[in-house]
Amino acid sequence: MQLTQIIRRPILTEKTNNIQGNNVYTFEVDWAANKFQIKQAVEFIFNVKVAAIRTLKMDKKAKRLGRFNGFLNRYKKAYVTLKEGFVINYYPEEAAAKEAEQAKAAQKAQAKAAEKEAAQAKEAALAEKLAAKKAKQDAQDTPAKDKAN
């Protein structure tokens, strides 16, 4: 069996989303696949290191659609625990958008800091100019006071 045929799809539910915080990901896998094959497939497809795998077989469930009786197919579920530092990203577009948003925010913060720095430099130049003007005025007033005395 080829590695790309072992993992059928990720199982994305509220429960599996909660356990992803513990670095545990859930997949529907081929019925005949064993843990070793699942580990090889996950490491090959997602380029991560697997710490542990737990599997369980889900039996078929009786379902009705209107007046018709039927079944949901049986499948095998695998809980894959990854080693620390590894993450599986199901939505690469979301990650790219998030990175772009972070870059934009960083650029905005940098522009704001540069603007603040420019304002401080302008204020310092203005203060220096005022100090020079006052010193010049004091120099002119001092001889006038000396003549008056």
Protein backbone atom coordinates (compact mmCIF):
# COMPACT_ATOMS: atom_id res chain seq x y z
CA MET A 1 0.00 0.00 0.00
CA GLN A 2 1.35 3.44 -0.92
CA LEU A 3 1.93 5.98 1.83
CA THR A 4 -0.35 8.52 0.19
CA GLN A 5 -3.28 6.08 0.24
CA ILE A 6 -3.08 5.27 3.95
CA ILE A 7 -4.42 8.58 5.25
CA ARG A 8 -7.84 9.27 3.77
CA ARG A 9 -8.70 12.60 5.39
CA PRO A 10 -8.30 14.56 8.62
CA ILE A 11 -11.24 14.44 11.01
CA LEU A 12 -12.12 18.05 11.84
CA THR A 13 -14.68 18.32 14.61
CA GLU A 14 -14.99 20.41 17.75
CA LYS A 15 -13.56 17.59 19.84
CA THR A 16 -10.55 17.04 17.58
CA ASN A 17 -9.98 20.79 17.42
CA ASN A 18 -9.77 20.88 21.24
CA ILE A 19 -7.18 18.09 21.42
CA GLN A 20 -5.00 19.74 18.77
CA GLY A 21 -3.81 22.02 21.57
CA ASN A 22 -2.13 18.93 23.07
CA ASN A 23 -0.40 18.25 19.72
CA VAL A 24 -2.79 15.37 18.90
CA TYR A 25 -4.24 15.17 15.38
CA THR A 26 -7.02 12.86 14.19
CA PHE A 27 -7.19 11.15 10.79
CA GLU A 28 -9.42 8.67 9.02
CA VAL A 29 -7.08 5.98 7.74
CA ASP A 30 -7.31 2.84 5.64
CA TRP A 31 -9.03 -0.06 7.43
CA ALA A 32 -6.06 -2.42 6.95
CA ALA A 33 -3.31 0.09 7.87
CA ASN A 34 -1.26 -0.60 10.99
CA LYS A 35 0.36 1.93 13.34
CA PHE A 36 3.77 1.63 11.72
CA GLN A 37 2.35 2.41 8.26
CA ILE A 38 0.31 5.31 9.64
CA LYS A 39 3.41 6.75 11.31
CA GLN A 40 5.41 6.50 8.08
CA ALA A 41 2.60 8.13 6.09
CA VAL A 42 2.16 11.06 8.50
CA GLU A 43 5.90 11.70 8.66
CA PHE A 44 6.19 11.51 4.86
CA ILE A 45 3.16 13.65 3.98
CA PHE A 46 3.37 16.36 6.65
CA ASN A 47 7.15 16.34 7.27
CA VAL A 48 6.81 16.00 11.07
CA LYS A 49 8.01 13.57 13.76
CA VAL A 50 5.42 11.31 15.39
CA ALA A 51 5.63 10.48 19.11
CA ALA A 52 2.68 8.07 19.45
CA ILE A 53 -0.32 6.69 17.58
CA ARG A 54 -3.60 5.33 18.94
CA THR A 55 -6.08 3.67 16.60
CA LEU A 56 -9.66 2.53 16.86
CA LYS A 57 -12.10 0.97 14.45
CA MET A 58 -15.49 2.65 14.13
CA ASP A 59 -18.32 0.28 13.19
CA LYS A 60 -20.94 1.20 10.63
CA LYS A 61 -23.91 3.19 11.93
CA ALA A 62 -27.52 2.83 10.89
CA LYS A 63 -28.87 6.07 9.42
CA ARG A 64 -32.11 7.08 7.78
CA LEU A 65 -32.62 9.57 5.02
CA GLY A 66 -36.32 10.19 4.89
CA ARG A 67 -38.00 6.83 4.45
CA PHE A 68 -34.82 5.10 3.30
CA ASN A 69 -32.70 3.08 5.70
CA GLY A 70 -28.96 3.01 5.20
CA PHE A 71 -25.60 2.92 6.91
CA LEU A 72 -22.57 5.12 7.42
CA ASN A 73 -19.53 3.11 6.39
CA ARG A 74 -17.10 1.71 8.92
CA TYR A 75 -13.71 3.35 9.15
CA LYS A 76 -10.52 3.36 11.15
CA LYS A 77 -9.57 6.43 13.18
CA ALA A 78 -6.00 7.29 14.19
CA TYR A 79 -5.02 9.73 16.95
CA VAL A 80 -1.50 10.91 16.07
CA THR A 81 0.58 12.62 18.78
CA LEU A 82 3.44 14.71 17.42
CA LYS A 83 6.76 15.42 19.10
CA GLU A 84 7.30 18.86 20.67
CA GLY A 85 7.92 21.66 18.18
CA PHE A 86 6.05 20.05 15.29
CA VAL A 87 2.69 21.27 13.97
CA ILE A 88 0.43 20.16 11.14
CA ASN A 89 -1.14 23.05 9.28
CA TYR A 90 -4.35 21.98 7.54
CA TYR A 91 -4.91 25.42 6.00
CA PRO A 92 -1.67 26.80 4.49
CA GLU A 93 -3.53 29.78 2.99
CA GLU A 94 -4.61 30.79 6.49
CA ALA A 95 -1.03 30.63 7.72
CA ALA A 96 0.17 32.76 4.81
CA ALA A 97 -2.58 35.30 5.47
CA LYS A 98 -1.69 35.35 9.17
CA GLU A 99 2.00 35.89 8.37
CA ALA A 100 1.10 38.70 5.97
CA GLU A 101 -1.10 40.29 8.64
CA GLN A 102 1.70 40.07 11.20
CA ALA A 103 4.18 41.57 8.73
CA LYS A 104 1.74 44.39 8.00
CA ALA A 105 1.27 45.06 11.73
CA ALA A 106 5.04 45.06 12.26
CA GLN A 107 5.51 47.46 9.35
CA LYS A 108 2.79 49.72 10.76
CA ALA A 109 4.44 49.70 14.20
CA GLN A 110 7.80 50.47 12.62
CA ALA A 111 6.32 53.38 10.66
CA LYS A 112 4.68 54.70 13.82
CA ALA A 113 7.99 54.49 15.70
CA ALA A 114 9.79 56.28 12.86
CA GLU A 115 7.11 58.97 12.85
CA LYS A 116 7.44 59.41 16.62
CA GLU A 117 11.22 59.60 16.31
CA ALA A 118 10.92 62.23 13.57
CA ALA A 119 8.53 64.26 15.73
CA GLN A 120 10.99 64.10 18.65
CA ALA A 121 13.86 65.17 16.38
CA LYS A 122 11.77 68.06 15.05
CA GLU A 123 10.84 69.08 18.60
CA ALA A 124 14.50 68.92 19.67
CA ALA A 125 15.53 71.07 16.69
CA LEU A 126 12.81 73.59 17.52
CA ALA A 127 13.89 73.69 21.18
CA GLU A 128 17.50 74.22 20.08
CA LYS A 129 16.44 77.01 17.74
CA LEU A 130 14.43 78.70 20.51
CA ALA A 131 17.37 78.38 22.92
CA ALA A 132 19.69 79.98 20.36
CA LYS A 133 17.19 82.78 19.72
CA LYS A 134 16.79 83.42 23.46
CA ALA A 135 20.57 83.40 23.97
CA LYS A 136 20.94 85.92 21.13
CA GLN A 137 18.19 88.09 22.60
CA ASP A 138 19.78 87.90 26.08
CA ALA A 139 23.12 88.88 24.55
CA GLN A 140 21.48 91.93 22.96
CA ASP A 141 19.62 92.88 26.16
CA THR A 142 22.71 92.61 28.39
CA PRO A 143 24.67 95.47 26.70
CA ALA A 144 21.53 97.62 26.73
CA LYS A 145 21.17 97.11 30.50
CA ASP A 146 24.85 97.94 31.01
CA LYS A 147 24.43 101.23 29.12
CA ALA A 148 21.32 102.06 31.14
CA ASN A 149 23.24 101.71 34.45
